[in-house]
N, C-alpha and C. Protein backbone atom coordinates (compact mmCIF):
# COMPACT_ATOMS: atom_id res chain seq x y z
N MET A 1 -13.74 -80.66 4.16
CA MET A 1 -15.34 -80.89 3.85
C MET A 1 -15.40 -81.90 3.10
N SER A 2 -16.14 -82.96 3.02
CA SER A 2 -16.45 -83.94 2.13
C SER A 2 -17.24 -83.54 0.72
N ASP A 3 -16.74 -84.21 -0.13
CA ASP A 3 -17.18 -83.84 -1.56
C ASP A 3 -18.88 -83.89 -1.58
N SER A 4 -19.72 -84.64 -0.65
CA SER A 4 -20.86 -85.03 -0.67
C SER A 4 -21.59 -83.82 -0.06
N GLN A 5 -20.92 -82.98 0.67
CA GLN A 5 -21.58 -81.84 1.28
C GLN A 5 -21.32 -80.14 0.07
N ARG A 6 -20.08 -80.51 -0.45
CA ARG A 6 -20.16 -79.44 -1.53
C ARG A 6 -21.33 -79.31 -2.53
N GLN A 7 -21.67 -78.06 -2.77
CA GLN A 7 -22.65 -77.66 -3.97
C GLN A 7 -22.19 -77.22 -4.95
N PRO A 8 -22.38 -77.50 -6.07
CA PRO A 8 -21.96 -77.25 -7.33
C PRO A 8 -21.96 -75.58 -7.62
N PRO A 9 -21.01 -75.01 -8.15
CA PRO A 9 -21.32 -73.64 -8.72
C PRO A 9 -22.35 -73.13 -9.28
N VAL A 10 -23.09 -71.95 -8.93
CA VAL A 10 -24.10 -71.64 -9.42
C VAL A 10 -23.89 -71.34 -11.03
N PRO A 11 -24.63 -71.92 -12.06
CA PRO A 11 -24.23 -71.42 -13.45
C PRO A 11 -24.39 -69.97 -13.52
N PRO A 12 -23.80 -69.22 -14.63
CA PRO A 12 -23.89 -67.70 -14.56
C PRO A 12 -25.60 -67.21 -15.14
N ASP A 13 -26.07 -68.08 -15.65
CA ASP A 13 -27.69 -67.79 -15.98
C ASP A 13 -28.47 -67.86 -14.78
N GLU A 14 -28.17 -68.43 -13.71
CA GLU A 14 -29.07 -68.42 -12.63
C GLU A 14 -28.53 -67.64 -11.45
N ASN A 15 -27.97 -66.83 -11.70
CA ASN A 15 -27.19 -66.13 -10.42
C ASN A 15 -28.24 -65.05 -9.80
N PRO A 16 -28.68 -65.32 -8.53
CA PRO A 16 -29.61 -64.61 -7.72
C PRO A 16 -29.49 -63.04 -8.02
N TRP A 17 -28.40 -62.50 -7.97
CA TRP A 17 -27.94 -61.16 -8.14
C TRP A 17 -28.35 -60.46 -9.43
N ARG A 18 -28.11 -61.30 -10.20
CA ARG A 18 -28.32 -60.75 -11.64
C ARG A 18 -29.91 -60.70 -11.91
N ALA A 19 -30.54 -61.80 -11.54
CA ALA A 19 -32.18 -61.90 -11.46
C ALA A 19 -32.64 -60.57 -10.54
N ALA A 20 -32.09 -60.57 -9.43
CA ALA A 20 -32.26 -59.12 -8.42
C ALA A 20 -32.10 -57.85 -9.05
N GLY A 21 -31.22 -57.73 -9.86
CA GLY A 21 -30.90 -56.55 -10.67
C GLY A 21 -31.84 -56.19 -11.85
N LEU A 22 -32.35 -57.34 -12.63
CA LEU A 22 -33.22 -57.45 -13.41
C LEU A 22 -34.45 -56.86 -12.96
N VAL A 23 -34.94 -57.45 -11.77
CA VAL A 23 -36.36 -56.96 -11.32
C VAL A 23 -36.45 -55.31 -10.79
N THR A 24 -35.29 -55.18 -9.80
CA THR A 24 -34.81 -53.70 -9.69
C THR A 24 -34.89 -52.67 -10.83
N ALA A 25 -34.14 -53.02 -12.06
CA ALA A 25 -34.00 -52.18 -13.26
C ALA A 25 -35.54 -52.06 -13.92
N LEU A 26 -36.23 -52.99 -13.69
CA LEU A 26 -37.66 -53.34 -14.38
C LEU A 26 -38.56 -52.14 -13.70
N GLY A 27 -38.29 -52.25 -12.13
CA GLY A 27 -39.29 -51.46 -11.26
C GLY A 27 -39.00 -50.08 -11.73
N ALA A 28 -37.52 -49.68 -11.56
CA ALA A 28 -36.97 -48.27 -11.76
C ALA A 28 -37.40 -47.82 -13.19
N GLU A 29 -37.19 -48.48 -14.10
CA GLU A 29 -37.62 -48.19 -15.42
C GLU A 29 -39.27 -47.79 -15.60
N LEU A 30 -39.85 -48.66 -15.27
CA LEU A 30 -41.17 -48.45 -15.29
C LEU A 30 -41.67 -47.14 -14.41
N ALA A 31 -41.14 -47.02 -13.15
CA ALA A 31 -41.43 -45.70 -12.32
C ALA A 31 -40.99 -44.36 -12.98
N VAL A 32 -39.89 -44.63 -13.70
CA VAL A 32 -39.30 -43.36 -14.21
C VAL A 32 -40.15 -42.96 -15.42
N CYS A 33 -40.57 -43.85 -15.90
CA CYS A 33 -41.18 -43.51 -17.43
C CYS A 33 -42.86 -43.11 -16.95
N VAL A 34 -43.44 -43.73 -16.01
CA VAL A 34 -44.76 -43.08 -15.63
C VAL A 34 -44.73 -41.93 -14.91
N GLY A 35 -43.52 -41.75 -14.07
CA GLY A 35 -43.38 -40.24 -13.31
C GLY A 35 -42.87 -39.15 -14.43
N LEU A 36 -42.23 -39.73 -15.28
CA LEU A 36 -42.02 -38.68 -16.24
C LEU A 36 -43.22 -37.97 -17.36
N GLY A 37 -44.02 -39.26 -17.49
CA GLY A 37 -45.01 -39.00 -18.28
C GLY A 37 -46.30 -38.06 -17.74
N TRP A 38 -46.34 -38.30 -16.40
CA TRP A 38 -47.05 -37.64 -15.34
C TRP A 38 -46.73 -36.14 -15.25
N TRP A 39 -45.26 -35.98 -15.20
CA TRP A 39 -44.83 -34.89 -14.79
C TRP A 39 -44.89 -33.69 -16.45
N ILE A 40 -44.58 -34.66 -17.45
CA ILE A 40 -44.85 -33.79 -18.67
C ILE A 40 -46.34 -33.31 -18.78
N GLY A 41 -47.15 -34.31 -18.76
CA GLY A 41 -48.49 -34.16 -18.68
C GLY A 41 -49.10 -32.97 -17.92
N ALA A 42 -48.64 -32.88 -16.40
CA ALA A 42 -49.27 -31.64 -15.64
C ALA A 42 -48.44 -30.38 -16.02
N ALA A 43 -47.21 -30.56 -16.67
CA ALA A 43 -46.65 -29.25 -17.29
C ALA A 43 -47.76 -28.66 -18.35
N ILE A 44 -48.04 -29.58 -19.21
CA ILE A 44 -49.06 -29.15 -20.28
C ILE A 44 -50.13 -28.75 -19.67
N ASP A 45 -50.62 -29.29 -18.61
CA ASP A 45 -51.95 -28.87 -18.05
C ASP A 45 -51.77 -27.41 -17.57
N ARG A 46 -50.73 -27.31 -16.92
CA ARG A 46 -50.55 -25.77 -16.32
C ARG A 46 -50.15 -24.89 -17.39
N ASP A 47 -49.59 -25.22 -18.40
CA ASP A 47 -49.57 -24.02 -19.32
C ASP A 47 -50.81 -23.78 -20.11
N ASN A 48 -51.82 -24.67 -20.33
CA ASN A 48 -52.94 -24.50 -21.16
C ASN A 48 -54.10 -24.58 -20.37
N GLY A 49 -54.10 -24.72 -19.27
CA GLY A 49 -55.31 -24.83 -18.26
C GLY A 49 -55.96 -25.80 -18.48
N THR A 50 -55.83 -27.05 -18.92
CA THR A 50 -56.53 -28.39 -19.30
C THR A 50 -56.58 -29.14 -17.82
N ASP A 51 -57.22 -29.98 -17.62
CA ASP A 51 -57.07 -30.99 -16.81
C ASP A 51 -57.13 -32.27 -16.96
N TYR A 52 -56.78 -32.70 -18.29
CA TYR A 52 -56.66 -34.28 -18.80
C TYR A 52 -55.42 -34.60 -19.03
N ALA A 53 -54.41 -33.47 -19.45
CA ALA A 53 -53.43 -34.13 -20.12
C ALA A 53 -52.41 -34.89 -19.23
N TYR A 54 -52.40 -34.70 -17.82
CA TYR A 54 -51.96 -35.55 -17.00
C TYR A 54 -52.31 -37.17 -16.93
N LEU A 55 -53.38 -37.38 -17.39
CA LEU A 55 -53.79 -38.66 -17.70
C LEU A 55 -53.38 -39.48 -18.81
N VAL A 56 -53.37 -38.25 -20.15
CA VAL A 56 -52.55 -38.86 -21.14
C VAL A 56 -50.99 -39.34 -20.97
N GLY A 57 -50.41 -38.35 -20.20
CA GLY A 57 -49.29 -38.53 -20.21
C GLY A 57 -48.66 -39.94 -19.12
N LEU A 58 -49.78 -40.19 -18.11
CA LEU A 58 -49.79 -41.25 -17.47
C LEU A 58 -49.81 -42.45 -18.50
N GLY A 59 -50.71 -42.11 -19.30
CA GLY A 59 -51.12 -43.49 -20.23
C GLY A 59 -49.72 -43.96 -21.26
N VAL A 60 -49.38 -42.54 -21.65
CA VAL A 60 -48.22 -42.85 -22.39
C VAL A 60 -46.80 -43.21 -21.73
N GLY A 61 -46.85 -42.57 -20.43
CA GLY A 61 -45.42 -43.23 -19.66
C GLY A 61 -45.59 -44.79 -19.21
N LEU A 62 -46.83 -45.17 -19.11
CA LEU A 62 -47.13 -46.58 -18.91
C LEU A 62 -46.71 -47.40 -20.18
N VAL A 63 -47.37 -46.95 -21.05
CA VAL A 63 -47.07 -47.68 -22.41
C VAL A 63 -45.57 -47.59 -22.86
N ALA A 64 -44.91 -46.69 -22.70
CA ALA A 64 -43.60 -46.56 -22.92
C ALA A 64 -42.53 -47.60 -21.99
N GLY A 65 -43.08 -47.60 -20.45
CA GLY A 65 -42.31 -48.27 -19.30
C GLY A 65 -42.58 -49.58 -19.77
N ILE A 66 -43.80 -50.22 -20.30
CA ILE A 66 -44.01 -51.54 -20.49
C ILE A 66 -43.28 -52.08 -21.51
N GLY A 67 -43.21 -51.21 -22.84
CA GLY A 67 -42.41 -51.41 -23.93
C GLY A 67 -40.94 -51.65 -23.54
N SER A 68 -40.54 -50.66 -22.77
CA SER A 68 -39.02 -50.94 -22.49
C SER A 68 -38.71 -52.12 -21.62
N ALA A 69 -39.80 -52.42 -20.69
CA ALA A 69 -39.55 -53.58 -19.82
C ALA A 69 -39.28 -54.77 -20.70
N VAL A 70 -40.24 -54.96 -21.78
CA VAL A 70 -40.10 -56.08 -22.69
C VAL A 70 -39.06 -56.06 -23.36
N ALA A 71 -38.57 -55.12 -23.93
CA ALA A 71 -37.17 -54.96 -24.43
C ALA A 71 -36.00 -55.56 -23.63
N LEU A 72 -36.00 -54.94 -22.33
CA LEU A 72 -34.98 -55.63 -21.40
C LEU A 72 -35.25 -56.92 -20.97
N ILE A 73 -36.52 -57.40 -20.81
CA ILE A 73 -36.51 -58.76 -20.60
C ILE A 73 -36.28 -59.64 -21.67
N ARG A 74 -36.30 -59.22 -23.02
CA ARG A 74 -35.95 -60.12 -24.17
C ARG A 74 -34.55 -60.10 -24.18
N LYS A 75 -33.85 -58.81 -23.96
CA LYS A 75 -32.39 -58.81 -23.87
C LYS A 75 -31.85 -59.87 -22.82
N TYR A 76 -32.22 -59.75 -21.83
CA TYR A 76 -31.93 -60.55 -20.80
C TYR A 76 -32.17 -62.15 -21.13
N ALA A 77 -33.47 -62.42 -21.56
CA ALA A 77 -33.41 -63.73 -22.16
C ALA A 77 -32.68 -64.26 -23.29
N GLY A 78 -32.25 -63.21 -24.00
CA GLY A 78 -31.48 -63.81 -25.21
C GLY A 78 -30.04 -63.82 -24.82
N GLU A 79 -29.71 -63.28 -24.12
CA GLU A 79 -28.02 -63.51 -23.28
C GLU A 79 -28.26 -64.87 -22.68
N ARG A 80 -29.37 -65.23 -21.98
CA ARG A 80 -29.46 -66.53 -21.55
C ARG A 80 -29.23 -67.64 -22.31
N ARG A 81 -29.90 -67.59 -23.38
CA ARG A 81 -29.79 -68.77 -24.43
C ARG A 81 -28.49 -69.16 -25.20
N LYS A 82 -27.59 -68.09 -25.12
CA LYS A 82 -26.31 -68.36 -25.71
C LYS A 82 -25.53 -69.33 -24.92
C-alpha cells in the first residue's frame, strides 16, 4: 500500500466508539433517572391514595437526569482538553 492511500490514525479524543459510549451512557442515565422518579412517585401515590406524586417524581427524575448528564459531558469534555 502506498503512503498516499494510508490514513493517519484517529486521535484518542476523536474515537467514534468513545463518542458512541458517551451517547449511550447519556440515554441510559436519563432513562434510569426518569424511570426511578416515576416508580418512586407511583409508590407514593399507591401508599397515600394521591394522583399527582408520579408527576412530581417524573419531574425530579428528569431534573436529576439532566444534571447528571451535564456532569458526565463536563467530565468527558474535560478529559479531551488535556
